[in-house]
């Protein structure tokens, strides 16, 4: 998220379609949640859905 040339693009993508940024294997580290709260909400939702499926 903090690559200078792509930061603004990634922040916009986090607002528009966070699933694109979250595609791929997990676990993953997101240390930019303050900059993109919508992305954080998507991560929390994904984790909750994963837990409910396993449970």
N, C-alpha and C. Protein backbone atom coordinates (compact mmCIF):
# COMPACT_ATOMS: atom_id res chain seq x y z
N UNK A 1 0.81 -1.19 0.00
CA UNK A 1 0.00 0.00 0.00
C UNK A 1 0.86 1.26 0.00
N UNK A 2 2.04 1.20 0.52
CA UNK A 2 2.81 2.45 0.65
C UNK A 2 3.86 2.64 -0.43
N UNK A 3 3.80 1.85 -1.51
CA UNK A 3 4.69 2.09 -2.65
C UNK A 3 4.30 3.44 -3.25
N UNK A 4 5.20 4.41 -3.24
CA UNK A 4 4.84 5.78 -3.62
C UNK A 4 4.11 5.92 -4.94
N UNK A 5 4.51 5.19 -5.96
CA UNK A 5 3.89 5.33 -7.27
C UNK A 5 2.49 4.73 -7.34
N UNK A 6 2.15 3.86 -6.40
CA UNK A 6 0.86 3.19 -6.44
C UNK A 6 -0.02 3.50 -5.23
N UNK A 7 0.45 4.32 -4.33
CA UNK A 7 -0.28 4.55 -3.09
C UNK A 7 -1.68 5.09 -3.33
N UNK A 8 -1.80 6.15 -4.12
CA UNK A 8 -3.11 6.75 -4.36
C UNK A 8 -4.04 5.75 -5.07
N UNK A 9 -3.50 5.03 -6.03
CA UNK A 9 -4.29 4.01 -6.74
C UNK A 9 -4.78 2.94 -5.77
N UNK A 10 -3.91 2.47 -4.90
CA UNK A 10 -4.29 1.44 -3.95
C UNK A 10 -5.32 1.94 -2.94
N UNK A 11 -5.19 3.18 -2.50
CA UNK A 11 -6.17 3.74 -1.58
C UNK A 11 -7.54 3.84 -2.24
N UNK A 12 -7.57 4.24 -3.49
CA UNK A 12 -8.84 4.29 -4.22
C UNK A 12 -9.43 2.90 -4.39
N UNK A 13 -8.57 1.93 -4.72
CA UNK A 13 -9.03 0.56 -4.89
C UNK A 13 -9.57 0.01 -3.58
N UNK A 14 -8.97 0.38 -2.46
CA UNK A 14 -9.45 -0.06 -1.16
C UNK A 14 -10.86 0.44 -0.90
N UNK A 15 -11.18 1.61 -1.39
CA UNK A 15 -12.52 2.16 -1.23
C UNK A 15 -13.51 1.53 -2.21
N UNK A 16 -13.08 1.32 -3.44
CA UNK A 16 -13.99 0.87 -4.50
C UNK A 16 -14.22 -0.64 -4.46
N UNK A 17 -13.12 -1.40 -4.41
CA UNK A 17 -13.23 -2.86 -4.47
C UNK A 17 -12.08 -3.49 -3.69
N UNK A 18 -12.20 -3.54 -2.35
CA UNK A 18 -11.11 -4.05 -1.52
C UNK A 18 -10.74 -5.50 -1.81
N UNK A 19 -11.66 -6.28 -2.36
CA UNK A 19 -11.36 -7.69 -2.63
C UNK A 19 -10.20 -7.85 -3.60
N UNK A 20 -9.99 -6.88 -4.46
CA UNK A 20 -8.86 -6.94 -5.41
C UNK A 20 -7.54 -6.89 -4.63
N UNK A 21 -7.48 -6.05 -3.62
CA UNK A 21 -6.24 -5.94 -2.84
C UNK A 21 -6.07 -7.11 -1.89
N UNK A 22 -7.15 -7.79 -1.57
CA UNK A 22 -7.07 -8.92 -0.63
C UNK A 22 -6.97 -10.27 -1.32
N UNK A 23 -6.93 -10.28 -2.64
CA UNK A 23 -6.83 -11.54 -3.38
C UNK A 23 -5.49 -12.21 -3.08
N UNK A 24 -5.51 -13.52 -3.00
CA UNK A 24 -4.28 -14.27 -2.77
C UNK A 24 -4.33 -15.05 -1.48
N UNK A 25 -3.22 -15.64 -1.17
CA UNK A 25 -3.12 -16.48 0.03
C UNK A 25 -3.15 -15.65 1.29
N UNK A 26 -3.59 -16.27 2.35
CA UNK A 26 -3.54 -15.63 3.67
C UNK A 26 -2.77 -16.57 4.58
N UNK A 27 -2.25 -16.12 5.66
CA UNK A 27 -2.44 -14.79 6.25
C UNK A 27 -1.61 -13.74 5.53
N UNK A 28 -2.02 -12.51 5.73
CA UNK A 28 -1.29 -11.37 5.18
C UNK A 28 -1.22 -10.29 6.23
N UNK A 29 -0.28 -9.42 6.08
CA UNK A 29 -0.08 -8.32 7.02
C UNK A 29 -0.62 -7.04 6.41
N UNK A 30 -1.43 -6.33 7.17
CA UNK A 30 -1.93 -5.03 6.73
C UNK A 30 -1.59 -4.01 7.81
N UNK A 31 -0.54 -3.27 7.59
CA UNK A 31 -0.14 -2.27 8.58
C UNK A 31 -0.56 -0.87 8.16
N UNK A 32 -1.41 -0.77 7.15
CA UNK A 32 -1.87 0.52 6.64
C UNK A 32 -3.36 0.73 6.91
N UNK A 33 -3.92 0.04 7.88
CA UNK A 33 -5.36 0.10 8.08
C UNK A 33 -5.85 1.50 8.44
N UNK A 34 -5.01 2.32 9.04
CA UNK A 34 -5.43 3.68 9.36
C UNK A 34 -5.68 4.49 8.09
N UNK A 35 -4.92 4.21 7.06
CA UNK A 35 -5.06 4.92 5.79
C UNK A 35 -6.24 4.43 4.97
N UNK A 36 -6.63 3.19 5.17
CA UNK A 36 -7.70 2.59 4.37
C UNK A 36 -8.66 1.81 5.27
N UNK A 37 -9.49 2.52 6.03
CA UNK A 37 -10.39 1.81 6.96
C UNK A 37 -11.35 0.85 6.27
N UNK A 38 -11.75 1.12 5.04
CA UNK A 38 -12.64 0.20 4.33
C UNK A 38 -11.95 -1.14 4.10
N UNK A 39 -10.66 -1.09 3.83
CA UNK A 39 -9.89 -2.32 3.65
C UNK A 39 -9.88 -3.11 4.95
N UNK A 40 -9.70 -2.43 6.06
CA UNK A 40 -9.71 -3.10 7.37
C UNK A 40 -11.07 -3.76 7.61
N UNK A 41 -12.15 -3.07 7.29
CA UNK A 41 -13.48 -3.65 7.45
C UNK A 41 -13.62 -4.93 6.62
N UNK A 42 -13.09 -4.92 5.43
CA UNK A 42 -13.14 -6.11 4.56
C UNK A 42 -12.33 -7.26 5.14
N UNK A 43 -11.19 -6.94 5.73
CA UNK A 43 -10.35 -7.97 6.35
C UNK A 43 -11.09 -8.59 7.54
N UNK A 44 -11.68 -7.75 8.36
CA UNK A 44 -12.43 -8.26 9.53
C UNK A 44 -13.59 -9.14 9.08
N UNK A 45 -14.34 -8.68 8.08
CA UNK A 45 -15.47 -9.46 7.57
C UNK A 45 -15.00 -10.81 7.03
N UNK A 46 -13.94 -10.80 6.27
CA UNK A 46 -13.39 -12.04 5.71
C UNK A 46 -12.98 -13.00 6.82
N UNK A 47 -12.35 -12.49 7.85
CA UNK A 47 -11.93 -13.33 8.97
C UNK A 47 -13.13 -13.91 9.70
N UNK A 48 -14.16 -13.10 9.89
CA UNK A 48 -15.37 -13.59 10.56
C UNK A 48 -16.05 -14.67 9.73
N UNK A 49 -16.13 -14.48 8.43
CA UNK A 49 -16.75 -15.47 7.56
C UNK A 49 -15.94 -16.77 7.56
N UNK A 50 -14.62 -16.64 7.55
CA UNK A 50 -13.75 -17.81 7.59
C UNK A 50 -13.97 -18.58 8.89
N UNK A 51 -14.05 -17.87 10.00
CA UNK A 51 -14.25 -18.51 11.29
C UNK A 51 -15.59 -19.22 11.35
N UNK A 52 -16.65 -18.59 10.83
CA UNK A 52 -17.97 -19.20 10.85
C UNK A 52 -18.03 -20.46 9.99
N UNK A 53 -17.31 -20.48 8.88
CA UNK A 53 -17.28 -21.63 7.99
C UNK A 53 -16.55 -22.78 8.67
N UNK A 54 -15.46 -22.49 9.35
CA UNK A 54 -14.69 -23.53 10.03
C UNK A 54 -15.44 -24.06 11.24
N UNK A 55 -16.07 -23.18 11.97
CA UNK A 55 -16.77 -23.54 13.21
C UNK A 55 -17.90 -24.45 12.91
